[in-house]
N, C-alpha and C. Protein backbone atom coordinates (compact mmCIF):
# COMPACT_ATOMS: atom_id res chain seq x y z
N MET A 1 0.82 -1.18 0.00
CA MET A 1 0.00 0.00 0.00
C MET A 1 0.87 1.24 0.00
N LEU A 2 2.04 1.13 0.55
CA LEU A 2 2.94 2.27 0.62
C LEU A 2 3.39 2.72 -0.78
N PHE A 3 3.52 1.77 -1.71
CA PHE A 3 3.95 2.11 -3.07
C PHE A 3 2.81 2.59 -3.94
N LEU A 4 1.58 2.31 -3.55
CA LEU A 4 0.44 2.62 -4.39
C LEU A 4 0.17 4.11 -4.48
N ILE A 5 0.31 4.84 -3.39
CA ILE A 5 0.00 6.27 -3.41
C ILE A 5 0.99 7.05 -4.27
N PRO A 6 2.30 6.84 -4.17
CA PRO A 6 3.19 7.60 -5.07
C PRO A 6 2.98 7.24 -6.54
N THR A 7 2.69 5.99 -6.84
CA THR A 7 2.47 5.65 -8.24
C THR A 7 1.17 6.26 -8.73
N ARG A 8 0.17 6.36 -7.88
CA ARG A 8 -1.09 7.00 -8.27
C ARG A 8 -0.86 8.49 -8.54
N VAL A 9 -0.06 9.13 -7.73
CA VAL A 9 0.24 10.55 -7.94
C VAL A 9 0.98 10.73 -9.26
N LEU A 10 1.95 9.88 -9.53
CA LEU A 10 2.68 9.98 -10.80
C LEU A 10 1.79 9.62 -11.98
N PHE A 11 0.90 8.66 -11.77
CA PHE A 11 0.00 8.22 -12.84
C PHE A 11 -0.97 9.33 -13.23
N SER A 12 -1.44 10.09 -12.25
CA SER A 12 -2.44 11.11 -12.52
C SER A 12 -1.83 12.47 -12.84
N SER A 13 -0.52 12.58 -12.81
CA SER A 13 0.09 13.88 -13.12
C SER A 13 -0.04 14.17 -14.62
N PRO A 14 -0.14 15.45 -14.98
CA PRO A 14 -0.32 15.80 -16.38
C PRO A 14 0.84 15.36 -17.27
N ALA A 15 2.01 15.27 -16.71
CA ALA A 15 3.17 14.90 -17.51
C ALA A 15 3.45 13.41 -17.46
N ALA A 16 2.49 12.61 -17.02
CA ALA A 16 2.72 11.17 -16.92
C ALA A 16 2.94 10.55 -18.28
N THR A 17 2.31 11.09 -19.29
CA THR A 17 2.54 10.66 -20.65
C THR A 17 2.89 11.89 -21.47
N GLY A 18 3.25 11.68 -22.69
CA GLY A 18 3.51 12.82 -23.56
C GLY A 18 4.97 13.16 -23.75
N THR A 19 5.87 12.25 -23.44
CA THR A 19 7.27 12.57 -23.68
C THR A 19 7.60 12.48 -25.16
N THR A 20 6.92 11.63 -25.87
CA THR A 20 7.10 11.50 -27.31
C THR A 20 5.72 11.46 -27.94
N SER A 21 5.57 12.12 -29.06
CA SER A 21 4.26 12.20 -29.68
C SER A 21 4.32 11.57 -31.06
N LEU A 22 3.28 10.84 -31.42
CA LEU A 22 3.16 10.24 -32.73
C LEU A 22 1.75 10.52 -33.22
N CYS A 23 1.63 11.25 -34.31
CA CYS A 23 0.31 11.57 -34.86
C CYS A 23 0.02 10.62 -36.01
N VAL A 24 -1.17 10.07 -36.01
CA VAL A 24 -1.58 9.12 -37.03
C VAL A 24 -2.88 9.61 -37.63
N GLN A 25 -2.96 9.60 -38.95
CA GLN A 25 -4.19 9.98 -39.64
C GLN A 25 -5.08 8.75 -39.74
N ALA A 26 -6.26 8.81 -39.14
CA ALA A 26 -7.19 7.70 -39.17
C ALA A 26 -7.89 7.65 -40.52
N ALA A 27 -8.58 6.54 -40.78
CA ALA A 27 -9.25 6.34 -42.07
C ALA A 27 -10.35 7.38 -42.30
N ASP A 28 -11.00 7.83 -41.24
CA ASP A 28 -12.08 8.81 -41.39
C ASP A 28 -11.58 10.25 -41.34
N GLY A 29 -10.28 10.45 -41.39
CA GLY A 29 -9.70 11.78 -41.41
C GLY A 29 -9.42 12.36 -40.04
N GLU A 30 -9.74 11.62 -39.00
CA GLU A 30 -9.50 12.10 -37.64
C GLU A 30 -8.02 11.96 -37.30
N LEU A 31 -7.46 12.98 -36.66
CA LEU A 31 -6.07 12.95 -36.26
C LEU A 31 -5.98 12.34 -34.86
N VAL A 32 -5.29 11.23 -34.75
CA VAL A 32 -5.14 10.53 -33.47
C VAL A 32 -3.73 10.73 -32.98
N GLN A 33 -3.60 11.18 -31.73
CA GLN A 33 -2.28 11.38 -31.16
C GLN A 33 -2.02 10.33 -30.09
N TYR A 34 -0.94 9.62 -30.26
CA TYR A 34 -0.52 8.63 -29.28
C TYR A 34 0.67 9.20 -28.53
N HIS A 35 0.62 9.14 -27.23
CA HIS A 35 1.71 9.62 -26.40
C HIS A 35 2.29 8.44 -25.63
N TYR A 36 3.57 8.31 -25.67
CA TYR A 36 4.21 7.23 -24.93
C TYR A 36 5.56 7.74 -24.44
N GLY A 37 6.10 7.06 -23.47
CA GLY A 37 7.38 7.46 -22.92
C GLY A 37 7.73 6.64 -21.70
N PRO A 38 8.87 6.95 -21.08
CA PRO A 38 9.31 6.15 -19.94
C PRO A 38 8.40 6.26 -18.72
N LYS A 39 7.63 7.32 -18.63
CA LYS A 39 6.73 7.45 -17.48
C LYS A 39 5.53 6.51 -17.59
N ASP A 40 5.35 5.91 -18.75
CA ASP A 40 4.29 4.91 -18.88
C ASP A 40 4.59 3.67 -18.04
N LEU A 41 5.83 3.46 -17.69
CA LEU A 41 6.19 2.34 -16.82
C LEU A 41 5.56 2.51 -15.45
N VAL A 42 5.39 3.76 -15.01
CA VAL A 42 4.73 4.01 -13.74
C VAL A 42 3.26 3.59 -13.83
N THR A 43 2.64 3.83 -14.98
CA THR A 43 1.26 3.41 -15.18
C THR A 43 1.15 1.89 -15.10
N ILE A 44 2.07 1.20 -15.74
CA ILE A 44 2.07 -0.26 -15.70
C ILE A 44 2.27 -0.74 -14.26
N LEU A 45 3.17 -0.12 -13.53
CA LEU A 45 3.42 -0.48 -12.14
C LEU A 45 2.16 -0.26 -11.30
N PHE A 46 1.46 0.84 -11.54
CA PHE A 46 0.22 1.13 -10.82
C PHE A 46 -0.81 0.03 -11.06
N TYR A 47 -1.00 -0.38 -12.31
CA TYR A 47 -1.97 -1.42 -12.61
C TYR A 47 -1.55 -2.77 -12.05
N ILE A 48 -0.27 -3.04 -11.98
CA ILE A 48 0.20 -4.28 -11.35
C ILE A 48 -0.15 -4.28 -9.87
N PHE A 49 0.07 -3.14 -9.20
CA PHE A 49 -0.29 -3.05 -7.78
C PHE A 49 -1.78 -3.24 -7.57
N ILE A 50 -2.59 -2.65 -8.44
CA ILE A 50 -4.04 -2.80 -8.32
C ILE A 50 -4.42 -4.27 -8.49
N ALA A 51 -3.82 -4.96 -9.45
CA ALA A 51 -4.11 -6.38 -9.67
C ALA A 51 -3.72 -7.21 -8.45
N ILE A 52 -2.59 -6.92 -7.85
CA ILE A 52 -2.14 -7.65 -6.66
C ILE A 52 -3.10 -7.42 -5.50
N ILE A 53 -3.54 -6.18 -5.32
CA ILE A 53 -4.45 -5.86 -4.23
C ILE A 53 -5.80 -6.55 -4.44
N LEU A 54 -6.32 -6.51 -5.67
CA LEU A 54 -7.60 -7.18 -5.94
C LEU A 54 -7.49 -8.69 -5.76
N HIS A 55 -6.36 -9.26 -6.13
CA HIS A 55 -6.12 -10.69 -5.92
C HIS A 55 -6.19 -11.02 -4.42
N ALA A 56 -5.54 -10.20 -3.62
CA ALA A 56 -5.53 -10.43 -2.17
C ALA A 56 -6.91 -10.25 -1.56
N VAL A 57 -7.67 -9.28 -2.05
CA VAL A 57 -9.01 -9.05 -1.51
C VAL A 57 -9.92 -10.23 -1.82
N VAL A 58 -9.88 -10.73 -3.05
CA VAL A 58 -10.69 -11.89 -3.41
C VAL A 58 -10.29 -13.08 -2.56
N GLN A 59 -9.00 -13.27 -2.38
CA GLN A 59 -8.51 -14.41 -1.60
C GLN A 59 -8.94 -14.31 -0.14
N GLU A 60 -8.77 -13.13 0.44
CA GLU A 60 -9.02 -12.97 1.87
C GLU A 60 -10.50 -12.96 2.22
N TYR A 61 -11.29 -12.20 1.48
CA TYR A 61 -12.67 -11.99 1.88
C TYR A 61 -13.66 -12.96 1.25
N ALA A 62 -13.28 -13.67 0.22
CA ALA A 62 -14.22 -14.60 -0.39
C ALA A 62 -13.74 -16.04 -0.27
N LEU A 63 -12.62 -16.33 -0.87
CA LEU A 63 -12.18 -17.72 -0.98
C LEU A 63 -11.79 -18.33 0.36
N ASP A 64 -11.09 -17.60 1.21
CA ASP A 64 -10.67 -18.16 2.49
C ASP A 64 -11.87 -18.45 3.40
N LYS A 65 -12.89 -17.59 3.34
CA LYS A 65 -14.07 -17.83 4.18
C LYS A 65 -14.84 -19.06 3.69
N ILE A 66 -14.92 -19.23 2.38
CA ILE A 66 -15.60 -20.42 1.84
C ILE A 66 -14.79 -21.67 2.16
N ASN A 67 -13.46 -21.58 2.06
CA ASN A 67 -12.59 -22.72 2.36
C ASN A 67 -12.75 -23.19 3.80
N ARG A 68 -12.86 -22.26 4.73
CA ARG A 68 -13.01 -22.64 6.13
C ARG A 68 -14.30 -23.42 6.37
N ARG A 69 -15.34 -23.05 5.65
CA ARG A 69 -16.62 -23.74 5.83
C ARG A 69 -16.65 -25.11 5.17
N LEU A 70 -15.88 -25.29 4.10
CA LEU A 70 -15.91 -26.56 3.37
C LEU A 70 -14.98 -27.62 3.96
N HIS A 71 -13.99 -27.23 4.74
CA HIS A 71 -13.03 -28.16 5.36
C HIS A 71 -12.37 -29.05 4.30
N LEU A 72 -11.71 -28.45 3.32
CA LEU A 72 -11.08 -29.19 2.23
C LEU A 72 -9.69 -29.66 2.61
N SER A 73 -9.20 -30.70 1.91
CA SER A 73 -7.82 -31.14 2.10
C SER A 73 -6.88 -30.12 1.47
N LYS A 74 -5.58 -30.29 1.68
CA LYS A 74 -4.61 -29.31 1.16
C LYS A 74 -4.63 -29.24 -0.36
N VAL A 75 -4.73 -30.37 -1.02
CA VAL A 75 -4.74 -30.38 -2.48
C VAL A 75 -6.01 -29.73 -3.01
N LYS A 76 -7.15 -30.10 -2.43
CA LYS A 76 -8.41 -29.51 -2.87
C LYS A 76 -8.48 -28.03 -2.51
N HIS A 77 -7.88 -27.66 -1.38
CA HIS A 77 -7.81 -26.26 -0.97
C HIS A 77 -7.04 -25.44 -2.02
N SER A 78 -5.92 -25.97 -2.47
CA SER A 78 -5.11 -25.30 -3.48
C SER A 78 -5.86 -25.17 -4.81
N LYS A 79 -6.49 -26.25 -5.23
CA LYS A 79 -7.25 -26.22 -6.49
C LYS A 79 -8.44 -25.27 -6.39
N PHE A 80 -9.10 -25.25 -5.24
CA PHE A 80 -10.23 -24.35 -5.05
C PHE A 80 -9.79 -22.90 -5.13
N ASN A 81 -8.66 -22.57 -4.51
CA ASN A 81 -8.15 -21.20 -4.56
C ASN A 81 -7.81 -20.79 -5.98
N GLU A 82 -7.14 -21.68 -6.71
CA GLU A 82 -6.78 -21.37 -8.09
C GLU A 82 -8.03 -21.19 -8.95
N SER A 83 -8.98 -22.09 -8.82
CA SER A 83 -10.21 -22.00 -9.59
C SER A 83 -11.01 -20.76 -9.21
N GLY A 84 -11.02 -20.43 -7.94
CA GLY A 84 -11.74 -19.24 -7.48
C GLY A 84 -11.16 -17.97 -8.06
N GLN A 85 -9.84 -17.89 -8.12
CA GLN A 85 -9.20 -16.71 -8.72
C GLN A 85 -9.53 -16.63 -10.20
N LEU A 86 -9.53 -17.77 -10.89
CA LEU A 86 -9.87 -17.78 -12.31
C LEU A 86 -11.31 -17.37 -12.54
N VAL A 87 -12.22 -17.84 -11.70
CA VAL A 87 -13.63 -17.45 -11.83
C VAL A 87 -13.78 -15.95 -11.63
N ALA A 88 -13.12 -15.40 -10.63
CA ALA A 88 -13.19 -13.95 -10.39
C ALA A 88 -12.64 -13.18 -11.59
N PHE A 89 -11.53 -13.64 -12.15
CA PHE A 89 -10.94 -12.97 -13.32
C PHE A 89 -11.88 -13.05 -14.52
N HIS A 90 -12.45 -14.22 -14.77
CA HIS A 90 -13.31 -14.39 -15.93
C HIS A 90 -14.62 -13.62 -15.79
N LEU A 91 -15.17 -13.57 -14.60
CA LEU A 91 -16.39 -12.78 -14.39
C LEU A 91 -16.13 -11.29 -14.61
N THR A 92 -14.99 -10.82 -14.09
CA THR A 92 -14.62 -9.42 -14.30
C THR A 92 -14.41 -9.14 -15.78
N SER A 93 -13.75 -10.03 -16.48
CA SER A 93 -13.51 -9.85 -17.91
C SER A 93 -14.82 -9.84 -18.70
N MET A 94 -15.74 -10.72 -18.33
CA MET A 94 -17.02 -10.77 -19.04
C MET A 94 -17.83 -9.50 -18.81
N VAL A 95 -17.85 -9.00 -17.58
CA VAL A 95 -18.57 -7.75 -17.29
C VAL A 95 -17.95 -6.59 -18.06
N TRP A 96 -16.62 -6.53 -18.08
CA TRP A 96 -15.93 -5.46 -18.79
C TRP A 96 -16.20 -5.56 -20.29
N CYS A 97 -16.19 -6.76 -20.83
CA CYS A 97 -16.46 -6.98 -22.26
C CYS A 97 -17.89 -6.54 -22.59
N LEU A 98 -18.83 -6.90 -21.74
CA LEU A 98 -20.22 -6.49 -21.96
C LEU A 98 -20.35 -4.98 -21.93
N TYR A 99 -19.64 -4.34 -21.00
CA TYR A 99 -19.64 -2.88 -20.93
C TYR A 99 -19.12 -2.28 -22.23
N VAL A 100 -18.03 -2.82 -22.75
CA VAL A 100 -17.46 -2.31 -23.99
C VAL A 100 -18.41 -2.52 -25.17
N VAL A 101 -19.00 -3.69 -25.24
CA VAL A 101 -19.90 -4.00 -26.36
C VAL A 101 -21.12 -3.08 -26.33
N VAL A 102 -21.63 -2.79 -25.16
CA VAL A 102 -22.86 -2.00 -25.07
C VAL A 102 -22.61 -0.50 -25.18
N THR A 103 -21.51 0.01 -24.61
CA THR A 103 -21.37 1.46 -24.49
C THR A 103 -20.32 2.11 -25.37
N VAL A 104 -19.31 1.40 -25.80
CA VAL A 104 -18.17 2.07 -26.43
C VAL A 104 -18.22 1.95 -27.94
N ARG A 105 -18.81 2.83 -28.57
CA ARG A 105 -18.69 3.03 -30.01
C ARG A 105 -19.35 4.36 -30.30
N ASN A 106 -18.60 5.41 -30.11
CA ASN A 106 -19.08 6.78 -30.26
C ASN A 106 -20.30 7.02 -29.38
N GLY A 107 -20.33 6.41 -28.22
CA GLY A 107 -21.42 6.59 -27.28
C GLY A 107 -22.65 5.75 -27.57
N ALA A 108 -22.70 5.09 -28.72
CA ALA A 108 -23.90 4.34 -29.09
C ALA A 108 -23.79 2.86 -28.76
N GLY A 109 -22.59 2.35 -28.62
CA GLY A 109 -22.40 0.94 -28.31
C GLY A 109 -22.29 0.10 -29.57
N TRP A 110 -21.60 -1.02 -29.46
CA TRP A 110 -21.42 -1.91 -30.62
C TRP A 110 -22.73 -2.57 -31.02
N LEU A 111 -23.60 -2.82 -30.06
CA LEU A 111 -24.85 -3.49 -30.38
C LEU A 111 -25.85 -2.56 -31.07
N PHE A 112 -25.86 -1.29 -30.67
CA PHE A 112 -26.88 -0.39 -31.14
C PHE A 112 -26.36 0.71 -32.05
N GLY A 113 -25.06 0.74 -32.31
CA GLY A 113 -24.47 1.84 -33.04
C GLY A 113 -24.36 1.65 -34.54
N PHE A 114 -24.73 0.50 -35.06
CA PHE A 114 -24.59 0.26 -36.49
C PHE A 114 -25.73 0.91 -37.26
N SER A 115 -25.38 1.51 -38.38
CA SER A 115 -26.43 2.09 -39.21
C SER A 115 -26.87 1.05 -40.24
N THR A 116 -28.12 1.10 -40.62
CA THR A 116 -28.63 0.10 -41.56
C THR A 116 -28.58 0.59 -42.97
């Protein structure tokens, strides 16, 4: 937790990206600017910390409590923890994918944004 706050401050600073600029002309004539640089490593570090913290929260508050009630052997305990983490990851991915499909396409969503 001690490393999370400084990386969040660096991540949210205006100069966190933008050390090098690359402009690309999109097919529809829109100018897209991509900014990348060494400070993007701080962003990656921030997301790694968030993933570690979420992993620990799922383990501590969900899986360990269920494990105590089930009284599993060591091998089954290990398999249950691994499967539980995978289920949490896949559920999160599915919700995020559904969010993208419904909302992200110029505000209309992939499902409803196509013109006939």
